[in-house]
PDB file of N, CA and C in Angstrom:
ATOM      1  N   MET A   1     109.165  80.830  61.174  1.00  0.00           N
ATOM      2  CA  MET A   1     110.176  81.418  62.061  1.00  0.00           C
ATOM      3  C   MET A   1     109.540  82.483  62.943  1.00  0.00           C
ATOM      4  N   THR A   2     108.634  83.246  62.370  1.00  0.00           N
ATOM      5  CA  THR A   2     107.965  84.293  63.150  1.00  0.00           C
ATOM      6  C   THR A   2     107.147  83.681  64.277  1.00  0.00           C
ATOM      7  N   LEU A   3     106.574  82.495  64.010  1.00  0.00           N
ATOM      8  CA  LEU A   3     105.776  81.823  65.032  1.00  0.00           C
ATOM      9  C   LEU A   3     106.638  81.460  66.235  1.00  0.00           C
ATOM     10  N   PHE A   4     107.870  81.010  65.976  1.00  0.00           N
ATOM     11  CA  PHE A   4     108.771  80.656  67.069  1.00  0.00           C
ATOM     12  C   PHE A   4     109.166  81.887  67.873  1.00  0.00           C
ATOM     13  N   VAL A   5     109.379  82.996  67.188  1.00  0.00           N
ATOM     14  CA  VAL A   5     109.734  84.235  67.880  1.00  0.00           C
ATOM     15  C   VAL A   5     108.587  84.688  68.764  1.00  0.00           C
ATOM     16  N   THR A   6     107.368  84.604  68.231  1.00  0.00           N
ATOM     17  CA  THR A   6     106.186  84.992  69.004  1.00  0.00           C
ATOM     18  C   THR A   6     106.022  84.096  70.221  1.00  0.00           C
ATOM     19  N   ALA A   7     106.236  82.794  70.036  1.00  0.00           N
ATOM     20  CA  ALA A   7     106.105  81.853  71.142  1.00  0.00           C
ATOM     21  C   ALA A   7     107.156  82.123  72.211  1.00  0.00           C
ATOM     22  N   ALA A   8     108.366  82.453  71.784  1.00  0.00           N
ATOM     23  CA  ALA A   8     109.436  82.732  72.734  1.00  0.00           C
ATOM     24  C   ALA A   8     109.135  83.997  73.534  1.00  0.00           C
ATOM     25  N   MET A   9     108.646  85.022  72.858  1.00  0.00           N
ATOM     26  CA  MET A   9     108.309  86.267  73.544  1.00  0.00           C
ATOM     27  C   MET A   9     107.154  86.054  74.513  1.00  0.00           C
ATOM     28  N   TYR A  10     106.167  85.255  74.088  1.00  0.00           N
ATOM     29  CA  TYR A  10     105.030  84.962  74.951  1.00  0.00           C
ATOM     30  C   TYR A  10     105.485  84.206  76.194  1.00  0.00           C
ATOM     31  N   SER A  11     106.374  83.230  75.999  1.00  0.00           N
ATOM     32  CA  SER A  11     106.890  82.458  77.127  1.00  0.00           C
ATOM     33  C   SER A  11     107.648  83.364  78.089  1.00  0.00           C
ATOM     34  N   PHE A  12     108.396  84.322  77.529  1.00  0.00           N
ATOM     35  CA  PHE A  12     109.164  85.243  78.359  1.00  0.00           C
ATOM     36  C   PHE A  12     108.231  86.130  79.177  1.00  0.00           C
ATOM     37  N   LEU A  13     107.147  86.606  78.551  1.00  0.00           N
ATOM     38  CA  LEU A  13     106.183  87.450  79.262  1.00  0.00           C
ATOM     39  C   LEU A  13     105.489  86.654  80.359  1.00  0.00           C
ATOM     40  N   VAL A  14     105.175  85.399  80.076  1.00  0.00           N
ATOM     41  CA  VAL A  14     104.545  84.541  81.080  1.00  0.00           C
ATOM     42  C   VAL A  14     105.499  84.326  82.248  1.00  0.00           C
ATOM     43  N   ALA A  15     106.791  84.133  81.936  1.00  0.00           N
ATOM     44  CA  ALA A  15     107.782  83.917  82.985  1.00  0.00           C
ATOM     45  C   ALA A  15     107.887  85.146  83.884  1.00  0.00           C
ATOM     46  N   LEU A  16     107.770  86.320  83.292  1.00  0.00           N
ATOM     47  CA  LEU A  16     107.872  87.548  84.079  1.00  0.00           C
ATOM     48  C   LEU A  16     106.616  87.793  84.907  1.00  0.00           C
ATOM     49  N   SER A  17     105.461  87.355  84.397  1.00  0.00           N
ATOM     50  CA  SER A  17     104.196  87.674  85.054  1.00  0.00           C
ATOM     51  C   SER A  17     103.800  86.651  86.109  1.00  0.00           C
ATOM     52  N   THR A  18     104.295  85.424  85.998  1.00  0.00           N
ATOM     53  CA  THR A  18     103.877  84.391  86.935  1.00  0.00           C
ATOM     54  C   THR A  18     104.767  84.374  88.179  1.00  0.00           C
ATOM     55  N   PRO A  19     104.174  84.214  89.361  1.00  0.00           N
ATOM     56  CA  PRO A  19     104.961  84.104  90.594  1.00  0.00           C
ATOM     57  C   PRO A  19     105.416  82.668  90.851  1.00  0.00           C
ATOM     58  N   ASN A  20     104.941  81.747  90.009  1.00  0.00           N
ATOM     59  CA  ASN A  20     105.262  80.336  90.201  1.00  0.00           C
ATOM     60  C   ASN A  20     106.674  80.039  89.701  1.00  0.00           C
ATOM     61  N   LYS A  21     107.526  79.528  90.593  1.00  0.00           N
ATOM     62  CA  LYS A  21     108.920  79.255  90.224  1.00  0.00           C
ATOM     63  C   LYS A  21     109.000  78.165  89.156  1.00  0.00           C
ATOM     64  N   LYS A  22     108.136  77.148  89.273  1.00  0.00           N
ATOM     65  CA  LYS A  22     108.160  76.067  88.286  1.00  0.00           C
ATOM     66  C   LYS A  22     107.791  76.598  86.908  1.00  0.00           C
ATOM     67  N   GLY A  23     106.829  77.517  86.858  1.00  0.00           N
ATOM     68  CA  GLY A  23     106.434  78.110  85.585  1.00  0.00           C
ATOM     69  C   GLY A  23     107.578  78.885  84.967  1.00  0.00           C
ATOM     70  N   LYS A  24     108.326  79.603  85.813  1.00  0.00           N
ATOM     71  CA  LYS A  24     109.466  80.372  85.313  1.00  0.00           C
ATOM     72  C   LYS A  24     110.544  79.445  84.773  1.00  0.00           C
ATOM     73  N   ILE A  25     110.793  78.347  85.471  1.00  0.00           N
ATOM     74  CA  ILE A  25     111.820  77.402  85.021  1.00  0.00           C
ATOM     75  C   ILE A  25     111.456  76.833  83.656  1.00  0.00           C
ATOM     76  N   ILE A  26     110.176  76.450  83.494  1.00  0.00           N
ATOM     77  CA  ILE A  26     109.731  75.890  82.217  1.00  0.00           C
ATOM     78  C   ILE A  26     109.862  76.925  81.106  1.00  0.00           C
ATOM     79  N   ALA A  27     109.473  78.166  81.409  1.00  0.00           N
ATOM     80  CA  ALA A  27     109.536  79.225  80.404  1.00  0.00           C
ATOM     81  C   ALA A  27     110.985  79.514  80.009  1.00  0.00           C
ATOM     82  N   TYR A  28     111.881  79.561  80.994  1.00  0.00           N
ATOM     83  CA  TYR A  28     113.287  79.831  80.690  1.00  0.00           C
ATOM     84  C   TYR A  28     113.914  78.678  79.906  1.00  0.00           C
ATOM     85  N   MET A  29     113.473  77.444  80.194  1.00  0.00           N
ATOM     86  CA  MET A  29     113.974  76.304  79.428  1.00  0.00           C
ATOM     87  C   MET A  29     113.525  76.413  77.976  1.00  0.00           C
ATOM     88  N   GLY A  30     112.280  76.875  77.775  1.00  0.00           N
ATOM     89  CA  GLY A  30     111.780  77.050  76.414  1.00  0.00           C
ATOM     90  C   GLY A  30     112.572  78.109  75.670  1.00  0.00           C
ATOM     91  N   ILE A  31     112.895  79.203  76.370  1.00  0.00           N
ATOM     92  CA  ILE A  31     113.673  80.278  75.756  1.00  0.00           C
ATOM     93  C   ILE A  31     115.080  79.785  75.422  1.00  0.00           C
ATOM     94  N   GLY A  32     115.674  79.009  76.316  1.00  0.00           N
ATOM     95  CA  GLY A  32     117.011  78.472  76.077  1.00  0.00           C
ATOM     96  C   GLY A  32     117.030  77.525  74.886  1.00  0.00           C
ATOM     97  N   PHE A  33     115.969  76.705  74.780  1.00  0.00           N
ATOM     98  CA  PHE A  33     115.870  75.780  73.649  1.00  0.00           C
ATOM     99  C   PHE A  33     115.719  76.552  72.348  1.00  0.00           C
ATOM    100  N   PHE A  34     114.913  77.623  72.378  1.00  0.00           N
ATOM    101  CA  PHE A  34     114.718  78.461  71.197  1.00  0.00           C
ATOM    102  C   PHE A  34     116.036  79.119  70.789  1.00  0.00           C
ATOM    103  N   ALA A  35     116.782  79.627  71.772  1.00  0.00           N
ATOM    104  CA  ALA A  35     118.059  80.276  71.482  1.00  0.00           C
ATOM    105  C   ALA A  35     119.044  79.263  70.891  1.00  0.00           C
ATOM    106  N   HIS A  36     118.979  78.013  71.371  1.00  0.00           N
ATOM    107  CA  HIS A  36     119.863  76.977  70.858  1.00  0.00           C
ATOM    108  C   HIS A  36     119.544  76.680  69.389  1.00  0.00           C
ATOM    109  N   LEU A  37     118.263  76.725  69.027  1.00  0.00           N
ATOM    110  CA  LEU A  37     117.875  76.472  67.638  1.00  0.00           C
ATOM    111  C   LEU A  37     118.328  77.614  66.733  1.00  0.00           C
ATOM    112  N   VAL A  38     118.237  78.844  67.248  1.00  0.00           N
ATOM    113  CA  VAL A  38     118.600  80.008  66.437  1.00  0.00           C
ATOM    114  C   VAL A  38     120.110  80.126  66.293  1.00  0.00           C
ATOM    115  N   PHE A  39     120.818  80.035  67.413  1.00  0.00           N
ATOM    116  CA  PHE A  39     122.262  80.185  67.391  1.00  0.00           C
ATOM    117  C   PHE A  39     122.954  78.838  67.374  1.00  0.00           C
TER     118      PHE A  39
END
């Protein structure tokens, strides 16, 4: 479970740091999928 949290946080940081819109979309989709698994 901790690994998933770390991956989600890493994806979020990548989404914030990258100027690429496609990268942000992929990262936000990953976060949404993670949130769906948790909740």
